[in-house]
Amino acid sequence: ASLVRAQYTPNVIVMVASNPHGRDVAWSFFREHIAELYRRYGSLAFTMSSLIDGVTRPFGTEFMLGELERFFGELTGVDTAATSR
């Protein structure tokens, strides 16, 4: 059983990302679970856009921007509807 109910998961991820100590944890979680997040929330455009905005908003360096661009560039063509592991 999950510790966090599905409807609260995006809010928890964003809250973790908003903390300087949790930013990298949230970003890693987001990248690792992107297919599952799209499966759950992809049809909810506001939820996915809020999640992406919340996780990436703390990115303040050129390195982090490059990492973000690489990730979403590689995501193109990935079947985001597929379930994760």
PDB file of N, CA and C in Angstrom:
ATOM      1  N   ALA A   1       0.844  -1.191   0.000  1.00  0.00           N
ATOM      2  CA  ALA A   1       0.000   0.000   0.000  1.00  0.00           C
ATOM      3  C   ALA A   1       0.882   1.244   0.000  1.00  0.00           C
ATOM      4  N   SER A   2       0.408   2.261  -0.655  1.00  0.00           N
ATOM      5  CA  SER A   2       1.146   3.508  -0.752  1.00  0.00           C
ATOM      6  C   SER A   2       0.946   4.344   0.505  1.00  0.00           C
ATOM      7  N   LEU A   3       1.973   5.090   0.869  1.00  0.00           N
ATOM      8  CA  LEU A   3       1.871   5.992   2.016  1.00  0.00           C
ATOM      9  C   LEU A   3       1.124   7.275   1.668  1.00  0.00           C
ATOM     10  N   VAL A   4       1.081   7.606   0.375  1.00  0.00           N
ATOM     11  CA  VAL A   4       0.443   8.837  -0.077  1.00  0.00           C
ATOM     12  C   VAL A   4      -0.665   8.468  -1.053  1.00  0.00           C
ATOM     13  N   ARG A   5      -1.857   8.993  -0.819  1.00  0.00           N
ATOM     14  CA  ARG A   5      -2.959   8.729  -1.732  1.00  0.00           C
ATOM     15  C   ARG A   5      -2.651   9.324  -3.103  1.00  0.00           C
ATOM     16  N   ALA A   6      -3.122   8.655  -4.144  1.00  0.00           N
ATOM     17  CA  ALA A   6      -2.791   9.038  -5.523  1.00  0.00           C
ATOM     18  C   ALA A   6      -3.121  10.501  -5.819  1.00  0.00           C
ATOM     19  N   GLN A   7      -4.227  11.003  -5.317  1.00  0.00           N
ATOM     20  CA  GLN A   7      -4.599  12.380  -5.642  1.00  0.00           C
ATOM     21  C   GLN A   7      -3.682  13.407  -4.977  1.00  0.00           C
ATOM     22  N   TYR A   8      -2.933  12.991  -3.963  1.00  0.00           N
ATOM     23  CA  TYR A   8      -2.022  13.916  -3.279  1.00  0.00           C
ATOM     24  C   TYR A   8      -0.574  13.795  -3.760  1.00  0.00           C
ATOM     25  N   THR A   9      -0.276  12.775  -4.538  1.00  0.00           N
ATOM     26  CA  THR A   9       1.094  12.535  -4.980  1.00  0.00           C
ATOM     27  C   THR A   9       1.720  13.743  -5.671  1.00  0.00           C
ATOM     28  N   PRO A  10       1.055  14.372  -6.657  1.00  0.00           N
ATOM     29  CA  PRO A  10       1.689  15.540  -7.293  1.00  0.00           C
ATOM     30  C   PRO A  10       2.018  16.654  -6.301  1.00  0.00           C
ATOM     31  N   ASN A  11       1.125  16.904  -5.353  1.00  0.00           N
ATOM     32  CA  ASN A  11       1.382  17.954  -4.359  1.00  0.00           C
ATOM     33  C   ASN A  11       2.582  17.615  -3.488  1.00  0.00           C
ATOM     34  N   VAL A  12       2.717  16.359  -3.108  1.00  0.00           N
ATOM     35  CA  VAL A  12       3.853  15.944  -2.281  1.00  0.00           C
ATOM     36  C   VAL A  12       5.155  16.112  -3.054  1.00  0.00           C
ATOM     37  N   ILE A  13       5.161  15.699  -4.313  1.00  0.00           N
ATOM     38  CA  ILE A  13       6.373  15.825  -5.137  1.00  0.00           C
ATOM     39  C   ILE A  13       6.773  17.298  -5.265  1.00  0.00           C
ATOM     40  N   VAL A  14       5.800  18.164  -5.525  1.00  0.00           N
ATOM     41  CA  VAL A  14       6.081  19.601  -5.666  1.00  0.00           C
ATOM     42  C   VAL A  14       6.583  20.191  -4.348  1.00  0.00           C
ATOM     43  N   MET A  15       5.990  19.776  -3.235  1.00  0.00           N
ATOM     44  CA  MET A  15       6.443  20.282  -1.928  1.00  0.00           C
ATOM     45  C   MET A  15       7.881  19.853  -1.643  1.00  0.00           C
ATOM     46  N   VAL A  16       8.213  18.627  -1.971  1.00  0.00           N
ATOM     47  CA  VAL A  16       9.596  18.165  -1.789  1.00  0.00           C
ATOM     48  C   VAL A  16      10.523  18.969  -2.684  1.00  0.00           C
ATOM     49  N   ALA A  17      10.113  19.206  -3.933  1.00  0.00           N
ATOM     50  CA  ALA A  17      10.942  19.965  -4.878  1.00  0.00           C
ATOM     51  C   ALA A  17      11.153  21.410  -4.435  1.00  0.00           C
ATOM     52  N   SER A  18      10.199  21.966  -3.701  1.00  0.00           N
ATOM     53  CA  SER A  18      10.317  23.361  -3.280  1.00  0.00           C
ATOM     54  C   SER A  18      11.323  23.553  -2.148  1.00  0.00           C
ATOM     55  N   ASN A  19      11.746  22.467  -1.528  1.00  0.00           N
ATOM     56  CA  ASN A  19      12.746  22.527  -0.472  1.00  0.00           C
ATOM     57  C   ASN A  19      14.125  22.337  -1.109  1.00  0.00           C
ATOM     58  N   PRO A  20      15.087  23.221  -0.839  1.00  0.00           N
ATOM     59  CA  PRO A  20      16.414  23.073  -1.456  1.00  0.00           C
ATOM     60  C   PRO A  20      17.046  21.704  -1.213  1.00  0.00           C
ATOM     61  N   HIS A  21      16.759  21.096  -0.085  1.00  0.00           N
ATOM     62  CA  HIS A  21      17.327  19.779   0.216  1.00  0.00           C
ATOM     63  C   HIS A  21      16.576  18.659  -0.505  1.00  0.00           C
ATOM     64  N   GLY A  22      15.374  18.927  -0.954  1.00  0.00           N
ATOM     65  CA  GLY A  22      14.573  17.911  -1.608  1.00  0.00           C
ATOM     66  C   GLY A  22      14.503  18.039  -3.116  1.00  0.00           C
ATOM     67  N   ARG A  23      15.024  19.141  -3.635  1.00  0.00           N
ATOM     68  CA  ARG A  23      14.941  19.407  -5.075  1.00  0.00           C
ATOM     69  C   ARG A  23      15.467  18.254  -5.919  1.00  0.00           C
ATOM     70  N   ASP A  24      16.657  17.779  -5.599  1.00  0.00           N
ATOM     71  CA  ASP A  24      17.256  16.703  -6.387  1.00  0.00           C
ATOM     72  C   ASP A  24      16.509  15.390  -6.209  1.00  0.00           C
ATOM     73  N   VAL A  25      15.979  15.154  -5.009  1.00  0.00           N
ATOM     74  CA  VAL A  25      15.198  13.941  -4.748  1.00  0.00           C
ATOM     75  C   VAL A  25      13.937  13.949  -5.607  1.00  0.00           C
ATOM     76  N   ALA A  26      13.244  15.086  -5.635  1.00  0.00           N
ATOM     77  CA  ALA A  26      12.012  15.201  -6.420  1.00  0.00           C
ATOM     78  C   ALA A  26      12.305  15.055  -7.906  1.00  0.00           C
ATOM     79  N   TRP A  27      13.378  15.656  -8.380  1.00  0.00           N
ATOM     80  CA  TRP A  27      13.736  15.579  -9.796  1.00  0.00           C
ATOM     81  C   TRP A  27      14.069  14.136 -10.170  1.00  0.00           C
ATOM     82  N   SER A  28      14.818  13.450  -9.323  1.00  0.00           N
ATOM     83  CA  SER A  28      15.154  12.042  -9.586  1.00  0.00           C
ATOM     84  C   SER A  28      13.899  11.183  -9.603  1.00  0.00           C
ATOM     85  N   PHE A  29      13.016  11.409  -8.638  1.00  0.00           N
ATOM     86  CA  PHE A  29      11.771  10.652  -8.586  1.00  0.00           C
ATOM     87  C   PHE A  29      10.939  10.908  -9.839  1.00  0.00           C
ATOM     88  N   PHE A  30      10.833  12.166 -10.238  1.00  0.00           N
ATOM     89  CA  PHE A  30      10.074  12.538 -11.420  1.00  0.00           C
ATOM     90  C   PHE A  30      10.612  11.823 -12.658  1.00  0.00           C
ATOM     91  N   ARG A  31      11.927  11.856 -12.848  1.00  0.00           N
ATOM     92  CA  ARG A  31      12.533  11.213 -14.024  1.00  0.00           C
ATOM     93  C   ARG A  31      12.321   9.707 -14.002  1.00  0.00           C
ATOM     94  N   GLU A  32      12.499   9.111 -12.842  1.00  0.00           N
ATOM     95  CA  GLU A  32      12.388   7.653 -12.731  1.00  0.00           C
ATOM     96  C   GLU A  32      10.957   7.159 -12.937  1.00  0.00           C
ATOM     97  N   HIS A  33       9.985   7.978 -12.555  1.00  0.00           N
ATOM     98  CA  HIS A  33       8.582   7.548 -12.599  1.00  0.00           C
ATOM     99  C   HIS A  33       7.742   8.297 -13.633  1.00  0.00           C
ATOM    100  N   ILE A  34       8.376   8.888 -14.638  1.00  0.00           N
ATOM    101  CA  ILE A  34       7.661   9.721 -15.598  1.00  0.00           C
ATOM    102  C   ILE A  34       6.544   8.951 -16.308  1.00  0.00           C
ATOM    103  N   ALA A  35       6.783   7.716 -16.690  1.00  0.00           N
ATOM    104  CA  ALA A  35       5.742   6.945 -17.389  1.00  0.00           C
ATOM    105  C   ALA A  35       4.535   6.717 -16.486  1.00  0.00           C
ATOM    106  N   GLU A  36       4.783   6.389 -15.241  1.00  0.00           N
ATOM    107  CA  GLU A  36       3.686   6.169 -14.295  1.00  0.00           C
ATOM    108  C   GLU A  36       2.934   7.467 -14.019  1.00  0.00           C
ATOM    109  N   LEU A  37       3.653   8.558 -13.892  1.00  0.00           N
ATOM    110  CA  LEU A  37       3.006   9.851 -13.657  1.00  0.00           C
ATOM    111  C   LEU A  37       2.122  10.240 -14.837  1.00  0.00           C
ATOM    112  N   TYR A  38       2.610  10.019 -16.056  1.00  0.00           N
ATOM    113  CA  TYR A  38       1.788  10.300 -17.231  1.00  0.00           C
ATOM    114  C   TYR A  38       0.592   9.360 -17.302  1.00  0.00           C
ATOM    115  N   ARG A  39       0.785   8.110 -16.924  1.00  0.00           N
ATOM    116  CA  ARG A  39      -0.323   7.161 -16.937  1.00  0.00           C
ATOM    117  C   ARG A  39      -1.418   7.610 -15.971  1.00  0.00           C
ATOM    118  N   ARG A  40      -1.010   8.056 -14.793  1.00  0.00           N
ATOM    119  CA  ARG A  40      -1.986   8.474 -13.779  1.00  0.00           C
ATOM    120  C   ARG A  40      -2.598   9.844 -14.044  1.00  0.00           C
ATOM    121  N   TYR A  41      -1.766  10.798 -14.453  1.00  0.00           N
ATOM    122  CA  TYR A  41      -2.211  12.196 -14.484  1.00  0.00           C
ATOM    123  C   TYR A  41      -2.155  12.845 -15.857  1.00  0.00           C
ATOM    124  N   GLY A  42      -1.729  12.113 -16.871  1.00  0.00           N
ATOM    125  CA  GLY A  42      -1.565  12.690 -18.205  1.00  0.00           C
ATOM    126  C   GLY A  42      -2.835  13.280 -18.777  1.00  0.00           C
ATOM    127  N   SER A  43      -3.974  12.680 -18.451  1.00  0.00           N
ATOM    128  CA  SER A  43      -5.239  13.204 -18.968  1.00  0.00           C
ATOM    129  C   SER A  43      -5.686  14.455 -18.205  1.00  0.00           C
ATOM    130  N   LEU A  44      -5.043  14.726 -17.105  1.00  0.00           N
ATOM    131  CA  LEU A  44      -5.346  15.909 -16.295  1.00  0.00           C
ATOM    132  C   LEU A  44      -4.281  16.959 -16.584  1.00  0.00           C
ATOM    133  N   ALA A  45      -4.477  17.702 -17.656  1.00  0.00           N
ATOM    134  CA  ALA A  45      -3.446  18.632 -18.136  1.00  0.00           C
ATOM    135  C   ALA A  45      -2.981  19.590 -17.052  1.00  0.00           C
ATOM    136  N   PHE A  46      -3.902  20.106 -16.248  1.00  0.00           N
ATOM    137  CA  PHE A  46      -3.518  21.043 -15.196  1.00  0.00           C
ATOM    138  C   PHE A  46      -2.616  20.362 -14.175  1.00  0.00           C
ATOM    139  N   THR A  47      -2.941  19.131 -13.805  1.00  0.00           N
ATOM    140  CA  THR A  47      -2.135  18.407 -12.816  1.00  0.00           C
ATOM    141  C   THR A  47      -0.731  18.157 -13.343  1.00  0.00           C
ATOM    142  N   MET A  48      -0.616  17.686 -14.591  1.00  0.00           N
ATOM    143  CA  MET A  48       0.719  17.413 -15.141  1.00  0.00           C
ATOM    144  C   MET A  48       1.511  18.704 -15.316  1.00  0.00           C
ATOM    145  N   SER A  49       0.876  19.770 -15.804  1.00  0.00           N
ATOM    146  CA  SER A  49       1.629  21.011 -15.992  1.00  0.00           C
ATOM    147  C   SER A  49       2.061  21.589 -14.644  1.00  0.00           C
ATOM    148  N   SER A  50       1.210  21.462 -13.630  1.00  0.00           N
ATOM    149  CA  SER A  50       1.584  21.936 -12.292  1.00  0.00           C
ATOM    150  C   SER A  50       2.723  21.102 -11.719  1.00  0.00           C
ATOM    151  N   LEU A  51       2.687  19.815 -11.968  1.00  0.00           N
ATOM    152  CA  LEU A  51       3.743  18.928 -11.486  1.00  0.00           C
ATOM    153  C   LEU A  51       5.069  19.255 -12.163  1.00  0.00           C
ATOM    154  N   ILE A  52       5.050  19.385 -13.474  1.00  0.00           N
ATOM    155  CA  ILE A  52       6.279  19.711 -14.208  1.00  0.00           C
ATOM    156  C   ILE A  52       6.812  21.075 -13.775  1.00  0.00           C
ATOM    157  N   ASP A  53       5.928  22.049 -13.672  1.00  0.00           N
ATOM    158  CA  ASP A  53       6.340  23.386 -13.232  1.00  0.00           C
ATOM    159  C   ASP A  53       6.923  23.341 -11.823  1.00  0.00           C
ATOM    160  N   GLY A  54       6.265  22.637 -10.926  1.00  0.00           N
ATOM    161  CA  GLY A  54       6.723  22.583  -9.541  1.00  0.00           C
ATOM    162  C   GLY A  54       8.061  21.893  -9.367  1.00  0.00           C
ATOM    163  N   VAL A  55       8.288  20.848 -10.161  1.00  0.00           N
ATOM    164  CA  VAL A  55       9.545  20.101 -10.050  1.00  0.00           C
ATOM    165  C   VAL A  55      10.698  20.864 -10.694  1.00  0.00           C
ATOM    166  N   THR A  56      10.415  21.592 -11.768  1.00  0.00           N
ATOM    167  CA  THR A  56      11.498  22.260 -12.495  1.00  0.00           C
ATOM    168  C   THR A  56      11.694  23.729 -12.110  1.00  0.00           C
ATOM    169  N   ARG A  57      10.747  24.321 -11.419  1.00  0.00           N
ATOM    170  CA  ARG A  57      10.856  25.734 -11.033  1.00  0.00           C
ATOM    171  C   ARG A  57      12.152  26.037 -10.262  1.00  0.00           C
ATOM    172  N   PRO A  58      12.594  25.164  -9.359  1.00  0.00           N
ATOM    173  CA  PRO A  58      13.821  25.476  -8.598  1.00  0.00           C
ATOM    174  C   PRO A  58      15.114  25.409  -9.414  1.00  0.00           C
ATOM    175  N   PHE A  59      15.040  25.037 -10.697  1.00  0.00           N
ATOM    176  CA  PHE A  59      16.244  24.904 -11.503  1.00  0.00           C
ATOM    177  C   PHE A  59      16.802  26.290 -11.795  1.00  0.00           C
ATOM    178  N   GLY A  60      17.928  26.598 -11.211  1.00  0.00           N
ATOM    179  CA  GLY A  60      18.469  27.944 -11.333  1.00  0.00           C
ATOM    180  C   GLY A  60      19.860  28.039 -11.922  1.00  0.00           C
ATOM    181  N   THR A  61      20.405  26.933 -12.396  1.00  0.00           N
ATOM    182  CA  THR A  61      21.746  26.997 -12.970  1.00  0.00           C
ATOM    183  C   THR A  61      21.697  26.538 -14.427  1.00  0.00           C
ATOM    184  N   GLU A  62      22.707  26.905 -15.178  1.00  0.00           N
ATOM    185  CA  GLU A  62      22.803  26.471 -16.577  1.00  0.00           C
ATOM    186  C   GLU A  62      22.892  24.949 -16.653  1.00  0.00           C
ATOM    187  N   PHE A  63      23.603  24.338 -15.714  1.00  0.00           N
ATOM    188  CA  PHE A  63      23.724  22.881 -15.699  1.00  0.00           C
ATOM    189  C   PHE A  63      22.358  22.228 -15.547  1.00  0.00           C
ATOM    190  N   MET A  64      21.571  22.739 -14.605  1.00  0.00           N
ATOM    191  CA  MET A  64      20.253  22.158 -14.358  1.00  0.00           C
ATOM    192  C   MET A  64      19.329  22.382 -15.557  1.00  0.00           C
ATOM    193  N   LEU A  65      19.423  23.545 -16.180  1.00  0.00           N
ATOM    194  CA  LEU A  65      18.631  23.815 -17.372  1.00  0.00           C
ATOM    195  C   LEU A  65      19.005  22.831 -18.478  1.00  0.00           C
ATOM    196  N   GLY A  66      20.290  22.599 -18.645  1.00  0.00           N
ATOM    197  CA  GLY A  66      20.749  21.630 -19.647  1.00  0.00           C
ATOM    198  C   GLY A  66      20.244  20.225 -19.352  1.00  0.00           C
ATOM    199  N   GLU A  67      20.253  19.850 -18.084  1.00  0.00           N
ATOM    200  CA  GLU A  67      19.749  18.543 -17.682  1.00  0.00           C
ATOM    201  C   GLU A  67      18.267  18.413 -18.017  1.00  0.00           C
ATOM    202  N   LEU A  68      17.522  19.467 -17.737  1.00  0.00           N
ATOM    203  CA  LEU A  68      16.092  19.502 -18.034  1.00  0.00           C
ATOM    204  C   LEU A  68      15.847  19.381 -19.535  1.00  0.00           C
ATOM    205  N   GLU A  69      16.572  20.147 -20.322  1.00  0.00           N
ATOM    206  CA  GLU A  69      16.421  20.094 -21.779  1.00  0.00           C
ATOM    207  C   GLU A  69      16.780  18.720 -22.328  1.00  0.00           C
ATOM    208  N   ARG A  70      17.839  18.112 -21.808  1.00  0.00           N
ATOM    209  CA  ARG A  70      18.224  16.766 -22.246  1.00  0.00           C
ATOM    210  C   ARG A  70      17.139  15.758 -21.921  1.00  0.00           C
ATOM    211  N   PHE A  71      16.617  15.832 -20.700  1.00  0.00           N
ATOM    212  CA  PHE A  71      15.604  14.876 -20.280  1.00  0.00           C
ATOM    213  C   PHE A  71      14.379  14.954 -21.180  1.00  0.00           C
ATOM    214  N   PHE A  72      13.835  16.155 -21.370  1.00  0.00           N
ATOM    215  CA  PHE A  72      12.634  16.275 -22.186  1.00  0.00           C
ATOM    216  C   PHE A  72      12.923  16.042 -23.661  1.00  0.00           C
ATOM    217  N   GLY A  73      14.147  16.316 -24.101  1.00  0.00           N
ATOM    218  CA  GLY A  73      14.532  15.996 -25.474  1.00  0.00           C
ATOM    219  C   GLY A  73      14.569  14.504 -25.713  1.00  0.00           C
ATOM    220  N   GLU A  74      15.059  13.763 -24.753  1.00  0.00           N
ATOM    221  CA  GLU A  74      15.109  12.307 -24.861  1.00  0.00           C
ATOM    222  C   GLU A  74      13.733  11.688 -24.679  1.00  0.00           C
ATOM    223  N   LEU A  75      12.853  12.371 -23.990  1.00  0.00           N
ATOM    224  CA  LEU A  75      11.512  11.862 -23.734  1.00  0.00           C
ATOM    225  C   LEU A  75      10.672  11.843 -25.002  1.00  0.00           C
ATOM    226  N   THR A  76      11.006  12.687 -25.967  1.00  0.00           N
ATOM    227  CA  THR A  76      10.269  12.737 -27.221  1.00  0.00           C
ATOM    228  C   THR A  76      10.267  11.352 -27.853  1.00  0.00           C
ATOM    229  N   GLY A  77       9.088  10.888 -28.160  1.00  0.00           N
ATOM    230  CA  GLY A  77       8.969   9.575 -28.778  1.00  0.00           C
ATOM    231  C   GLY A  77       8.821   8.447 -27.780  1.00  0.00           C
ATOM    232  N   VAL A  78       8.999   8.731 -26.507  1.00  0.00           N
ATOM    233  CA  VAL A  78       8.832   7.709 -25.482  1.00  0.00           C
ATOM    234  C   VAL A  78       7.354   7.504 -25.251  1.00  0.00           C
ATOM    235  N   ASP A  79       6.947   6.270 -25.085  1.00  0.00           N
ATOM    236  CA  ASP A  79       5.538   5.973 -24.847  1.00  0.00           C
ATOM    237  C   ASP A  79       5.210   6.293 -23.408  1.00  0.00           C
ATOM    238  N   THR A  80       4.759   7.522 -23.166  1.00  0.00           N
ATOM    239  CA  THR A  80       4.458   7.949 -21.805  1.00  0.00           C
ATOM    240  C   THR A  80       3.183   7.333 -21.286  1.00  0.00           C
ATOM    241  N   ALA A  81       2.434   6.647 -22.118  1.00  0.00           N
ATOM    242  CA  ALA A  81       1.229   5.973 -21.659  1.00  0.00           C
ATOM    243  C   ALA A  81       1.561   4.608 -21.066  1.00  0.00           C
ATOM    244  N   ALA A  82       2.773   4.129 -21.314  1.00  0.00           N
ATOM    245  CA  ALA A  82       3.158   2.828 -20.778  1.00  0.00           C
ATOM    246  C   ALA A  82       3.321   2.906 -19.274  1.00  0.00           C
ATOM    247  N   THR A  83       3.036   1.826 -18.629  1.00  0.00           N
ATOM    248  CA  THR A  83       3.218   1.804 -17.182  1.00  0.00           C
ATOM    249  C   THR A  83       4.678   1.567 -16.873  1.00  0.00           C
ATOM    250  N   SER A  84       5.105   2.095 -15.750  1.00  0.00           N
ATOM    251  CA  SER A  84       6.480   1.864 -15.312  1.00  0.00           C
ATOM    252  C   SER A  84       6.554   0.483 -14.681  1.00  0.00           C
ATOM    253  N   ARG A  85       7.726   0.044 -14.459  1.00  0.00           N
ATOM    254  CA  ARG A  85       8.009  -1.268 -13.881  1.00  0.00           C
ATOM    255  C   ARG A  85       6.799  -1.809 -13.223  1.00  0.00           C
TER     256      ARG A  85
END
